[in-house]
């Protein structure tokens, strides 16, 4: 199956710089929104953590964070950071998570579902490890507003450097996608970023 792993391995050293340059305000707003729903007794899984920005940003609000990514270089970069004792970084495949059923109170997957070849499989894997009624926080960039001519040109340029976006959603389509895959969407907010960033909270439906 195609994926972006080679791109993310190469990009790991630039990731933090690019996020802080283009999306710092949006990320800070996400941390603030997450702080309102995360609790001190929660065990949290982050899927597609990248270099651990979000894991480190929310660690003080929860009991434990298991921060995972399929890119070994991203995890290597994350492990070089000073992290609190309740954060653990590891390599995991989003569609085949190794954790036990119903083992997390909340799962965070940020800016990743649209660049996964099989986002439905990722949500199925997340549902399995999330407790009944557990919390999903799934912010994702929305590209559905772009005209096809612009989208196709951008996609071709990015594909040349090994990066591919597999899903193109507007906020309403993304909400429907999450609900279709076994979640009930609660709060949704569109944040200003490089592309519109759909911040979304949902609960696992039994």
N, C-alpha and C. Protein backbone atom coordinates (compact mmCIF):
# COMPACT_ATOMS: atom_id res chain seq x y z
N UNK A 1 0.84 -1.20 0.00
CA UNK A 1 0.00 0.00 0.00
C UNK A 1 0.88 1.25 0.00
N UNK A 2 0.48 2.25 -0.78
CA UNK A 2 1.21 3.51 -0.79
C UNK A 2 1.02 4.25 0.52
N UNK A 3 2.04 5.00 0.93
CA UNK A 3 1.90 5.88 2.07
C UNK A 3 2.97 6.96 1.98
N UNK A 4 2.99 7.84 2.97
CA UNK A 4 3.91 8.98 2.96
C UNK A 4 5.10 8.78 3.90
N UNK A 5 5.38 7.54 4.30
CA UNK A 5 6.38 7.31 5.33
C UNK A 5 7.76 7.85 4.94
N UNK A 6 8.19 7.63 3.73
CA UNK A 6 9.51 8.12 3.31
C UNK A 6 9.59 9.64 3.40
N UNK A 7 8.50 10.31 3.02
CA UNK A 7 8.47 11.77 3.10
C UNK A 7 8.62 12.22 4.55
N UNK A 8 7.85 11.63 5.47
CA UNK A 8 7.89 12.06 6.86
C UNK A 8 9.24 11.74 7.50
N UNK A 9 9.86 10.64 7.12
CA UNK A 9 11.20 10.34 7.63
C UNK A 9 12.20 11.42 7.22
N UNK A 10 12.08 11.89 5.98
CA UNK A 10 12.99 12.94 5.50
C UNK A 10 12.66 14.29 6.13
N UNK A 11 11.39 14.52 6.41
CA UNK A 11 10.89 15.82 6.83
C UNK A 11 10.97 16.04 8.34
N UNK A 12 11.34 15.02 9.10
CA UNK A 12 11.25 15.08 10.56
C UNK A 12 12.06 16.24 11.16
N UNK A 13 13.18 16.58 10.56
CA UNK A 13 14.01 17.65 11.11
C UNK A 13 13.45 19.04 10.88
N UNK A 14 12.52 19.18 9.93
CA UNK A 14 11.94 20.48 9.60
C UNK A 14 10.52 20.66 10.14
N UNK A 15 9.95 19.61 10.67
CA UNK A 15 8.54 19.60 11.02
C UNK A 15 8.18 20.70 12.02
N UNK A 16 8.90 20.78 13.12
CA UNK A 16 8.58 21.78 14.14
C UNK A 16 8.70 23.20 13.60
N UNK A 17 9.74 23.44 12.81
CA UNK A 17 9.94 24.77 12.24
C UNK A 17 8.75 25.17 11.37
N UNK A 18 8.28 24.25 10.54
CA UNK A 18 7.18 24.56 9.63
C UNK A 18 5.87 24.77 10.39
N UNK A 19 5.61 23.94 11.39
CA UNK A 19 4.39 24.12 12.19
C UNK A 19 4.41 25.47 12.89
N UNK A 20 5.52 25.81 13.52
CA UNK A 20 5.61 27.08 14.25
C UNK A 20 5.56 28.28 13.31
N UNK A 21 6.05 28.11 12.11
CA UNK A 21 6.08 29.21 11.14
C UNK A 21 4.69 29.50 10.58
N UNK A 22 3.94 28.45 10.27
CA UNK A 22 2.68 28.64 9.55
C UNK A 22 1.42 28.40 10.39
N UNK A 23 1.51 27.58 11.43
CA UNK A 23 0.28 27.15 12.13
C UNK A 23 0.38 27.25 13.65
N UNK A 24 1.30 28.04 14.16
CA UNK A 24 1.51 28.12 15.61
C UNK A 24 0.25 28.56 16.34
N UNK A 25 -0.41 29.60 15.87
CA UNK A 25 -1.61 30.11 16.55
C UNK A 25 -2.72 29.06 16.57
N UNK A 26 -2.89 28.33 15.46
CA UNK A 26 -3.92 27.30 15.39
C UNK A 26 -3.62 26.17 16.38
N UNK A 27 -2.36 25.80 16.50
CA UNK A 27 -1.98 24.73 17.44
C UNK A 27 -2.21 25.18 18.88
N UNK A 28 -1.89 26.41 19.19
CA UNK A 28 -2.13 26.91 20.54
C UNK A 28 -3.62 26.94 20.87
N UNK A 29 -4.44 27.27 19.87
CA UNK A 29 -5.88 27.24 20.09
C UNK A 29 -6.37 25.81 20.29
N UNK A 30 -5.76 24.86 19.56
CA UNK A 30 -6.13 23.46 19.75
C UNK A 30 -5.82 22.99 21.17
N UNK A 31 -4.64 23.35 21.68
CA UNK A 31 -4.29 22.96 23.05
C UNK A 31 -5.32 23.51 24.04
N UNK A 32 -5.73 24.75 23.82
CA UNK A 32 -6.72 25.36 24.71
C UNK A 32 -8.06 24.62 24.64
N UNK A 33 -8.50 24.28 23.44
CA UNK A 33 -9.75 23.54 23.28
C UNK A 33 -9.66 22.16 23.91
N UNK A 34 -8.53 21.49 23.71
CA UNK A 34 -8.35 20.16 24.28
C UNK A 34 -8.35 20.20 25.80
N UNK A 35 -7.78 21.25 26.37
CA UNK A 35 -7.69 21.35 27.83
C UNK A 35 -9.06 21.39 28.48
N UNK A 36 -10.08 21.77 27.72
CA UNK A 36 -11.44 21.88 28.27
C UNK A 36 -12.16 20.54 28.35
N UNK A 37 -11.65 19.53 27.62
CA UNK A 37 -12.33 18.22 27.62
C UNK A 37 -11.47 17.09 28.15
N UNK A 38 -10.16 17.28 28.20
CA UNK A 38 -9.28 16.27 28.77
C UNK A 38 -9.30 16.39 30.29
N UNK A 39 -9.13 15.23 30.98
CA UNK A 39 -9.18 15.22 32.44
C UNK A 39 -7.91 14.60 33.02
N UNK A 40 -7.66 14.91 34.27
CA UNK A 40 -6.43 14.49 34.94
C UNK A 40 -6.32 12.97 35.09
N UNK A 41 -7.45 12.25 35.03
CA UNK A 41 -7.42 10.79 35.21
C UNK A 41 -7.36 10.03 33.89
N UNK A 42 -7.25 10.73 32.77
CA UNK A 42 -7.34 10.08 31.46
C UNK A 42 -6.01 9.46 31.00
N UNK A 43 -6.15 8.28 30.40
CA UNK A 43 -5.05 7.69 29.63
C UNK A 43 -5.34 7.99 28.17
N UNK A 44 -4.42 8.68 27.51
CA UNK A 44 -4.64 9.20 26.16
C UNK A 44 -3.67 8.57 25.17
N UNK A 45 -4.17 8.20 24.01
CA UNK A 45 -3.35 7.75 22.89
C UNK A 45 -3.33 8.85 21.85
N UNK A 46 -2.14 9.21 21.38
CA UNK A 46 -2.05 10.08 20.21
C UNK A 46 -1.52 9.27 19.04
N UNK A 47 -2.29 9.23 17.99
CA UNK A 47 -1.90 8.57 16.74
C UNK A 47 -1.36 9.63 15.79
N UNK A 48 -0.26 9.32 15.10
CA UNK A 48 0.38 10.27 14.19
C UNK A 48 0.88 11.50 14.95
N UNK A 49 1.65 11.27 15.99
CA UNK A 49 2.15 12.36 16.83
C UNK A 49 3.20 13.21 16.15
N UNK A 50 3.83 12.69 15.09
CA UNK A 50 4.92 13.46 14.47
C UNK A 50 6.07 13.59 15.44
N UNK A 51 6.49 14.81 15.70
CA UNK A 51 7.60 15.05 16.62
C UNK A 51 7.11 15.29 18.06
N UNK A 52 5.85 15.00 18.32
CA UNK A 52 5.35 15.05 19.68
C UNK A 52 4.84 16.39 20.16
N UNK A 53 4.61 17.33 19.26
CA UNK A 53 4.17 18.67 19.68
C UNK A 53 2.89 18.62 20.51
N UNK A 54 1.88 17.92 20.01
CA UNK A 54 0.61 17.89 20.72
C UNK A 54 0.72 17.07 22.00
N UNK A 55 1.41 15.94 21.96
CA UNK A 55 1.58 15.12 23.15
C UNK A 55 2.19 15.93 24.29
N UNK A 56 3.22 16.69 23.97
CA UNK A 56 3.86 17.52 24.99
C UNK A 56 2.98 18.69 25.40
N UNK A 57 2.17 19.18 24.46
CA UNK A 57 1.30 20.31 24.75
C UNK A 57 0.14 19.98 25.67
N UNK A 58 -0.28 18.69 25.68
CA UNK A 58 -1.45 18.33 26.49
C UNK A 58 -1.10 17.44 27.68
N UNK A 59 0.17 17.10 27.84
CA UNK A 59 0.57 16.16 28.89
C UNK A 59 0.16 16.61 30.29
N UNK A 60 0.19 17.90 30.54
CA UNK A 60 -0.13 18.41 31.88
C UNK A 60 -1.60 18.28 32.23
N UNK A 61 -2.43 17.99 31.25
CA UNK A 61 -3.87 17.90 31.50
C UNK A 61 -4.34 16.48 31.80
N UNK A 62 -3.47 15.46 31.57
CA UNK A 62 -3.92 14.07 31.65
C UNK A 62 -2.96 13.21 32.48
N UNK A 63 -3.40 11.97 32.75
CA UNK A 63 -2.57 11.05 33.54
C UNK A 63 -1.42 10.47 32.72
N UNK A 64 -1.70 10.08 31.47
CA UNK A 64 -0.69 9.41 30.65
C UNK A 64 -0.95 9.68 29.18
N UNK A 65 0.12 9.83 28.41
CA UNK A 65 0.02 9.98 26.96
C UNK A 65 0.91 8.94 26.29
N UNK A 66 0.30 8.07 25.50
CA UNK A 66 1.04 7.17 24.61
C UNK A 66 1.05 7.84 23.25
N UNK A 67 2.21 8.36 22.84
CA UNK A 67 2.31 9.13 21.59
C UNK A 67 2.99 8.27 20.53
N UNK A 68 2.28 8.02 19.42
CA UNK A 68 2.77 7.07 18.43
C UNK A 68 2.82 7.68 17.03
N UNK A 69 3.67 7.10 16.20
CA UNK A 69 3.76 7.50 14.80
C UNK A 69 4.35 6.33 14.01
N UNK A 70 4.02 6.24 12.73
CA UNK A 70 4.59 5.17 11.91
C UNK A 70 5.97 5.51 11.37
N UNK A 71 6.39 6.77 11.51
CA UNK A 71 7.69 7.22 11.02
C UNK A 71 8.73 7.08 12.13
N UNK A 72 9.72 6.25 11.91
CA UNK A 72 10.76 6.04 12.92
C UNK A 72 11.56 7.32 13.15
N UNK A 73 11.77 8.12 12.11
CA UNK A 73 12.54 9.36 12.25
C UNK A 73 11.76 10.40 13.05
N UNK A 74 10.45 10.46 12.87
CA UNK A 74 9.63 11.37 13.67
C UNK A 74 9.73 11.01 15.15
N UNK A 75 9.60 9.72 15.46
CA UNK A 75 9.70 9.28 16.85
C UNK A 75 11.11 9.52 17.40
N UNK A 76 12.10 9.30 16.58
CA UNK A 76 13.48 9.57 17.00
C UNK A 76 13.65 11.05 17.37
N UNK A 77 13.07 11.93 16.57
CA UNK A 77 13.13 13.37 16.86
C UNK A 77 12.37 13.70 18.13
N UNK A 78 11.20 13.10 18.29
CA UNK A 78 10.38 13.35 19.48
C UNK A 78 11.11 12.94 20.75
N UNK A 79 11.81 11.82 20.71
CA UNK A 79 12.49 11.30 21.89
C UNK A 79 13.67 12.16 22.32
N UNK A 80 14.14 13.03 21.45
CA UNK A 80 15.24 13.92 21.80
C UNK A 80 14.78 15.11 22.63
N UNK A 81 13.47 15.31 22.69
CA UNK A 81 12.92 16.45 23.43
C UNK A 81 12.81 16.13 24.92
N UNK A 82 12.80 17.16 25.72
CA UNK A 82 12.57 16.99 27.16
C UNK A 82 11.08 16.77 27.37
N UNK A 83 10.72 15.60 27.87
CA UNK A 83 9.31 15.24 28.02
C UNK A 83 9.02 14.89 29.48
N UNK A 84 7.82 15.19 29.96
CA UNK A 84 7.44 14.78 31.32
C UNK A 84 7.34 13.26 31.40
N UNK A 85 7.35 12.74 32.61
CA UNK A 85 7.39 11.28 32.82
C UNK A 85 6.13 10.57 32.36
N UNK A 86 5.05 11.30 32.15
CA UNK A 86 3.79 10.65 31.74
C UNK A 86 3.62 10.56 30.23
N UNK A 87 4.67 10.89 29.47
CA UNK A 87 4.62 10.79 28.01
C UNK A 87 5.58 9.71 27.53
N UNK A 88 5.06 8.80 26.71
CA UNK A 88 5.88 7.74 26.12
C UNK A 88 5.72 7.77 24.60
N UNK A 89 6.84 7.74 23.88
CA UNK A 89 6.82 7.73 22.42
C UNK A 89 7.13 6.33 21.89
N UNK A 90 6.40 5.92 20.84
CA UNK A 90 6.64 4.61 20.24
C UNK A 90 6.20 4.60 18.78
N UNK A 91 6.71 3.62 18.05
CA UNK A 91 6.35 3.45 16.64
C UNK A 91 5.13 2.53 16.56
N UNK A 92 4.08 3.00 15.90
CA UNK A 92 2.85 2.22 15.72
C UNK A 92 2.26 2.52 14.35
N UNK A 93 1.61 1.52 13.78
CA UNK A 93 0.85 1.69 12.54
C UNK A 93 -0.59 2.02 12.91
N UNK A 94 -1.10 3.13 12.44
CA UNK A 94 -2.44 3.58 12.82
C UNK A 94 -3.52 2.57 12.50
N UNK A 95 -3.34 1.79 11.46
CA UNK A 95 -4.39 0.83 11.07
C UNK A 95 -4.22 -0.53 11.74
N UNK A 96 -3.17 -0.70 12.54
CA UNK A 96 -2.93 -1.98 13.23
C UNK A 96 -2.31 -1.71 14.59
N UNK A 97 -3.00 -0.92 15.42
CA UNK A 97 -2.48 -0.55 16.73
C UNK A 97 -2.32 -1.79 17.61
N UNK A 98 -1.23 -1.83 18.37
CA UNK A 98 -0.91 -3.03 19.15
C UNK A 98 -1.56 -3.04 20.54
N UNK A 99 -2.25 -1.98 20.91
CA UNK A 99 -2.81 -1.85 22.26
C UNK A 99 -4.07 -2.71 22.43
N UNK A 100 -4.38 -3.01 23.68
CA UNK A 100 -5.54 -3.84 23.99
C UNK A 100 -6.85 -3.12 23.70
N UNK A 101 -7.91 -3.89 23.51
CA UNK A 101 -9.24 -3.32 23.31
C UNK A 101 -9.63 -2.43 24.49
N UNK A 102 -10.32 -1.34 24.20
CA UNK A 102 -10.91 -0.47 25.23
C UNK A 102 -9.89 0.03 26.26
N UNK A 103 -8.66 0.33 25.82
CA UNK A 103 -7.60 0.64 26.78
C UNK A 103 -7.33 2.13 26.96
N UNK A 104 -8.02 3.00 26.20
CA UNK A 104 -7.76 4.43 26.32
C UNK A 104 -9.07 5.19 26.57
N UNK A 105 -8.95 6.24 27.38
CA UNK A 105 -10.10 7.12 27.63
C UNK A 105 -10.31 8.10 26.48
N UNK A 106 -9.22 8.45 25.79
CA UNK A 106 -9.30 9.41 24.68
C UNK A 106 -8.23 9.07 23.66
N UNK A 107 -8.53 9.35 22.40
CA UNK A 107 -7.56 9.22 21.31
C UNK A 107 -7.52 10.53 20.55
N UNK A 108 -6.31 10.99 20.28
CA UNK A 108 -6.10 12.19 19.46
C UNK A 108 -5.43 11.77 18.17
N UNK A 109 -5.98 12.21 17.05
CA UNK A 109 -5.32 12.03 15.76
C UNK A 109 -5.46 13.35 15.02
N UNK A 110 -4.35 14.05 14.86
CA UNK A 110 -4.39 15.43 14.35
C UNK A 110 -3.71 15.54 12.99
N UNK A 111 -4.44 16.13 12.04
CA UNK A 111 -3.89 16.43 10.71
C UNK A 111 -3.27 15.21 10.05
N UNK A 112 -3.99 14.10 10.14
CA UNK A 112 -3.45 12.86 9.60
C UNK A 112 -4.43 12.06 8.74
N UNK A 113 -5.71 12.09 9.08
CA UNK A 113 -6.66 11.24 8.36
C UNK A 113 -6.71 11.55 6.87
N UNK A 114 -6.55 12.82 6.50
CA UNK A 114 -6.63 13.18 5.08
C UNK A 114 -5.41 12.73 4.28
N UNK A 115 -4.33 12.37 4.96
CA UNK A 115 -3.13 11.91 4.24
C UNK A 115 -2.89 10.41 4.43
N UNK A 116 -3.91 9.71 4.90
CA UNK A 116 -3.83 8.25 5.04
C UNK A 116 -4.55 7.59 3.88
N UNK A 117 -3.95 6.56 3.27
CA UNK A 117 -4.61 5.88 2.15
C UNK A 117 -5.93 5.23 2.55
N UNK A 118 -6.04 4.80 3.81
CA UNK A 118 -7.25 4.12 4.26
C UNK A 118 -7.67 4.70 5.62
N UNK A 119 -8.26 5.91 5.63
CA UNK A 119 -8.64 6.53 6.90
C UNK A 119 -9.73 5.75 7.63
N UNK A 120 -10.57 5.02 6.89
CA UNK A 120 -11.60 4.20 7.54
C UNK A 120 -10.96 3.12 8.41
N UNK A 121 -9.89 2.50 7.91
CA UNK A 121 -9.20 1.47 8.69
C UNK A 121 -8.55 2.06 9.93
N UNK A 122 -8.04 3.29 9.81
CA UNK A 122 -7.44 3.95 10.97
C UNK A 122 -8.51 4.21 12.05
N UNK A 123 -9.69 4.67 11.64
CA UNK A 123 -10.76 4.91 12.61
C UNK A 123 -11.27 3.61 13.23
N UNK A 124 -11.27 2.55 12.47
CA UNK A 124 -11.67 1.25 13.01
C UNK A 124 -10.68 0.79 14.08
N UNK A 125 -9.40 0.99 13.82
CA UNK A 125 -8.37 0.63 14.78
C UNK A 125 -8.47 1.49 16.04
N UNK A 126 -8.74 2.78 15.84
CA UNK A 126 -8.92 3.70 16.97
C UNK A 126 -10.14 3.31 17.81
N UNK A 127 -11.24 2.98 17.15
CA UNK A 127 -12.45 2.56 17.87
C UNK A 127 -12.18 1.34 18.75
N UNK A 128 -11.38 0.43 18.24
CA UNK A 128 -11.09 -0.81 18.99
C UNK A 128 -10.38 -0.51 20.31
N UNK A 129 -9.42 0.41 20.31
CA UNK A 129 -8.63 0.66 21.52
C UNK A 129 -9.28 1.71 22.43
N UNK A 130 -10.34 2.36 21.95
CA UNK A 130 -11.01 3.41 22.72
C UNK A 130 -12.14 2.81 23.54
N UNK A 131 -12.24 3.22 24.79
CA UNK A 131 -13.30 2.73 25.67
C UNK A 131 -14.68 3.11 25.13
N UNK A 132 -15.72 2.34 25.47
CA UNK A 132 -17.09 2.73 25.09
C UNK A 132 -17.40 4.14 25.59
N UNK A 133 -17.90 4.97 24.72
CA UNK A 133 -18.17 6.36 25.08
C UNK A 133 -16.93 7.22 25.17
N UNK A 134 -15.78 6.65 24.78
CA UNK A 134 -14.52 7.38 24.86
C UNK A 134 -14.46 8.55 23.89
N UNK A 135 -13.50 9.43 24.13
CA UNK A 135 -13.39 10.69 23.40
C UNK A 135 -12.40 10.58 22.24
N UNK A 136 -12.83 11.01 21.07
CA UNK A 136 -11.95 11.16 19.91
C UNK A 136 -11.78 12.65 19.63
N UNK A 137 -10.53 13.08 19.53
CA UNK A 137 -10.23 14.46 19.11
C UNK A 137 -9.47 14.34 17.79
N UNK A 138 -10.06 14.85 16.72
CA UNK A 138 -9.52 14.59 15.38
C UNK A 138 -9.47 15.85 14.51
N UNK A 139 -8.62 16.80 14.86
CA UNK A 139 -8.47 17.99 13.99
C UNK A 139 -7.83 17.59 12.65
N UNK A 140 -8.33 18.13 11.58
CA UNK A 140 -7.81 17.78 10.25
C UNK A 140 -7.95 18.95 9.30
N UNK A 141 -6.92 19.16 8.48
CA UNK A 141 -6.98 20.20 7.45
C UNK A 141 -8.06 19.85 6.43
N UNK A 142 -8.83 20.85 6.01
CA UNK A 142 -9.89 20.67 5.01
C UNK A 142 -9.46 21.35 3.72
N UNK A 143 -9.50 20.59 2.62
CA UNK A 143 -9.08 21.12 1.33
C UNK A 143 -10.21 21.19 0.31
N UNK A 144 -11.42 20.82 0.75
CA UNK A 144 -12.53 20.68 -0.18
C UNK A 144 -12.95 21.96 -0.86
N UNK A 145 -12.52 23.11 -0.32
CA UNK A 145 -12.91 24.39 -0.91
C UNK A 145 -12.08 24.73 -2.14
N UNK A 146 -10.96 24.02 -2.34
CA UNK A 146 -10.08 24.34 -3.47
C UNK A 146 -10.69 23.88 -4.79
N UNK A 147 -10.56 24.71 -5.79
CA UNK A 147 -11.01 24.32 -7.12
C UNK A 147 -10.15 23.16 -7.62
N UNK A 148 -10.74 22.30 -8.42
CA UNK A 148 -10.02 21.11 -8.87
C UNK A 148 -8.73 21.44 -9.60
N UNK A 149 -8.71 22.54 -10.35
CA UNK A 149 -7.50 22.90 -11.10
C UNK A 149 -6.36 23.22 -10.14
N UNK A 150 -6.67 23.98 -9.07
CA UNK A 150 -5.65 24.33 -8.06
C UNK A 150 -5.25 23.08 -7.28
N UNK A 151 -6.26 22.29 -6.90
CA UNK A 151 -5.99 21.07 -6.14
C UNK A 151 -5.09 20.13 -6.92
N UNK A 152 -5.41 19.90 -8.18
CA UNK A 152 -4.63 18.97 -9.00
C UNK A 152 -3.20 19.43 -9.18
N UNK A 153 -3.00 20.74 -9.35
CA UNK A 153 -1.65 21.27 -9.51
C UNK A 153 -0.85 21.08 -8.22
N UNK A 154 -1.45 21.46 -7.10
CA UNK A 154 -0.76 21.30 -5.81
C UNK A 154 -0.45 19.83 -5.54
N UNK A 155 -1.42 18.96 -5.84
CA UNK A 155 -1.24 17.54 -5.58
C UNK A 155 -0.09 16.97 -6.41
N UNK A 156 0.02 17.41 -7.66
CA UNK A 156 1.10 16.92 -8.53
C UNK A 156 2.45 17.37 -8.03
N UNK A 157 2.53 18.64 -7.59
CA UNK A 157 3.81 19.17 -7.08
C UNK A 157 4.23 18.42 -5.82
N UNK A 158 3.28 18.23 -4.90
CA UNK A 158 3.60 17.53 -3.65
C UNK A 158 3.97 16.07 -3.90
N UNK A 159 3.31 15.45 -4.87
CA UNK A 159 3.59 14.05 -5.15
C UNK A 159 5.02 13.87 -5.66
N UNK A 160 5.53 14.87 -6.34
CA UNK A 160 6.91 14.81 -6.85
C UNK A 160 7.92 14.71 -5.72
N UNK A 161 7.58 15.26 -4.54
CA UNK A 161 8.52 15.19 -3.41
C UNK A 161 8.12 14.07 -2.44
N UNK A 162 7.19 13.22 -2.85
CA UNK A 162 6.86 12.05 -2.07
C UNK A 162 5.72 12.20 -1.10
N UNK A 163 4.94 13.29 -1.24
CA UNK A 163 3.82 13.53 -0.31
C UNK A 163 2.52 13.46 -1.07
N UNK A 164 1.56 12.73 -0.50
CA UNK A 164 0.27 12.59 -1.18
C UNK A 164 -0.88 12.79 -0.19
N UNK A 165 -1.88 13.56 -0.62
CA UNK A 165 -3.11 13.74 0.15
C UNK A 165 -4.19 12.89 -0.49
N UNK A 166 -4.79 12.01 0.30
CA UNK A 166 -5.72 11.03 -0.25
C UNK A 166 -7.17 11.44 -0.15
N UNK A 167 -7.51 12.34 0.78
CA UNK A 167 -8.90 12.74 0.98
C UNK A 167 -9.02 14.26 0.93
N UNK A 168 -10.08 14.73 0.28
CA UNK A 168 -10.33 16.16 0.12
C UNK A 168 -11.73 16.44 0.65
N UNK A 169 -11.79 17.00 1.87
CA UNK A 169 -13.07 17.23 2.53
C UNK A 169 -13.33 18.71 2.76
N UNK A 170 -14.59 19.11 2.75
CA UNK A 170 -15.00 20.36 3.38
C UNK A 170 -15.45 19.99 4.80
N UNK A 171 -15.57 20.95 5.72
CA UNK A 171 -15.90 20.60 7.12
C UNK A 171 -17.11 19.70 7.28
N UNK A 172 -18.19 19.95 6.52
CA UNK A 172 -19.40 19.14 6.65
C UNK A 172 -19.16 17.71 6.19
N UNK A 173 -18.38 17.54 5.13
CA UNK A 173 -18.07 16.20 4.64
C UNK A 173 -17.21 15.45 5.65
N UNK A 174 -16.28 16.15 6.25
CA UNK A 174 -15.41 15.51 7.24
C UNK A 174 -16.22 15.06 8.46
N UNK A 175 -17.13 15.90 8.91
CA UNK A 175 -18.00 15.53 10.03
C UNK A 175 -18.80 14.27 9.69
N UNK A 176 -19.35 14.23 8.49
CA UNK A 176 -20.11 13.06 8.04
C UNK A 176 -19.25 11.82 7.98
N UNK A 177 -18.00 11.98 7.57
CA UNK A 177 -17.07 10.85 7.50
C UNK A 177 -16.83 10.26 8.89
N UNK A 178 -16.60 11.12 9.88
CA UNK A 178 -16.37 10.65 11.24
C UNK A 178 -17.61 9.94 11.78
N UNK A 179 -18.78 10.51 11.57
CA UNK A 179 -20.02 9.91 12.07
C UNK A 179 -20.32 8.57 11.38
N UNK A 180 -20.01 8.49 10.12
CA UNK A 180 -20.25 7.26 9.36
C UNK A 180 -19.40 6.10 9.88
N UNK A 181 -18.29 6.44 10.54
CA UNK A 181 -17.36 5.42 11.00
C UNK A 181 -17.44 5.17 12.51
N UNK A 182 -18.63 5.38 13.09
CA UNK A 182 -18.88 4.92 14.44
C UNK A 182 -18.68 5.92 15.56
N UNK A 183 -18.79 7.22 15.26
CA UNK A 183 -18.62 8.24 16.28
C UNK A 183 -19.76 9.25 16.21
N UNK A 184 -20.06 9.85 17.35
CA UNK A 184 -21.04 10.93 17.42
C UNK A 184 -20.29 12.24 17.62
N UNK A 185 -20.40 13.15 16.67
CA UNK A 185 -19.63 14.39 16.71
C UNK A 185 -20.29 15.38 17.66
N UNK A 186 -19.47 15.98 18.52
CA UNK A 186 -19.93 17.02 19.42
C UNK A 186 -19.46 18.38 18.95
N UNK A 187 -18.44 18.90 19.59
CA UNK A 187 -17.96 20.23 19.22
C UNK A 187 -17.13 20.19 17.93
N UNK A 188 -17.39 21.16 17.07
CA UNK A 188 -16.59 21.34 15.85
C UNK A 188 -16.34 22.81 15.66
N UNK A 189 -15.11 23.14 15.34
CA UNK A 189 -14.74 24.54 15.12
C UNK A 189 -13.70 24.61 14.02
N UNK A 190 -13.87 25.54 13.09
CA UNK A 190 -12.90 25.72 12.02
C UNK A 190 -11.90 26.79 12.44
N UNK A 191 -10.63 26.39 12.50
CA UNK A 191 -9.56 27.29 12.93
C UNK A 191 -8.82 27.82 11.71
N UNK A 192 -8.26 29.01 11.84
CA UNK A 192 -7.47 29.60 10.75
C UNK A 192 -6.06 29.03 10.80
N UNK A 193 -5.63 28.47 9.67
CA UNK A 193 -4.29 27.90 9.55
C UNK A 193 -3.90 28.00 8.08
N UNK A 194 -2.84 27.29 7.68
CA UNK A 194 -2.43 27.29 6.27
C UNK A 194 -3.60 26.93 5.37
N UNK A 195 -4.33 25.88 5.77
CA UNK A 195 -5.62 25.53 5.19
C UNK A 195 -6.62 25.54 6.34
N UNK A 196 -7.92 25.70 6.07
CA UNK A 196 -8.89 25.63 7.17
C UNK A 196 -8.67 24.35 7.98
N UNK A 197 -8.58 24.50 9.29
CA UNK A 197 -8.31 23.37 10.17
C UNK A 197 -9.58 23.05 10.97
N UNK A 198 -10.16 21.89 10.69
CA UNK A 198 -11.40 21.50 11.34
C UNK A 198 -11.08 20.82 12.67
N UNK A 199 -11.27 21.54 13.77
CA UNK A 199 -11.10 20.93 15.09
C UNK A 199 -12.40 20.22 15.44
N UNK A 200 -12.30 18.93 15.76
CA UNK A 200 -13.50 18.12 15.94
C UNK A 200 -13.36 17.20 17.14
N UNK A 201 -14.39 17.15 17.98
CA UNK A 201 -14.48 16.21 19.10
C UNK A 201 -15.66 15.28 18.87
N UNK A 202 -15.49 14.01 19.21
CA UNK A 202 -16.55 13.04 19.01
C UNK A 202 -16.46 11.96 20.10
N UNK A 203 -17.54 11.21 20.27
CA UNK A 203 -17.52 10.10 21.22
C UNK A 203 -17.80 8.80 20.46
N UNK A 204 -17.20 7.73 20.98
CA UNK A 204 -17.38 6.41 20.38
C UNK A 204 -18.81 5.92 20.61
N UNK A 205 -19.46 5.52 19.54
CA UNK A 205 -20.82 4.98 19.62
C UNK A 205 -20.72 3.47 19.75
N UNK A 206 -21.43 2.90 20.71
CA UNK A 206 -21.37 1.44 20.92
C UNK A 206 -21.98 0.69 19.74
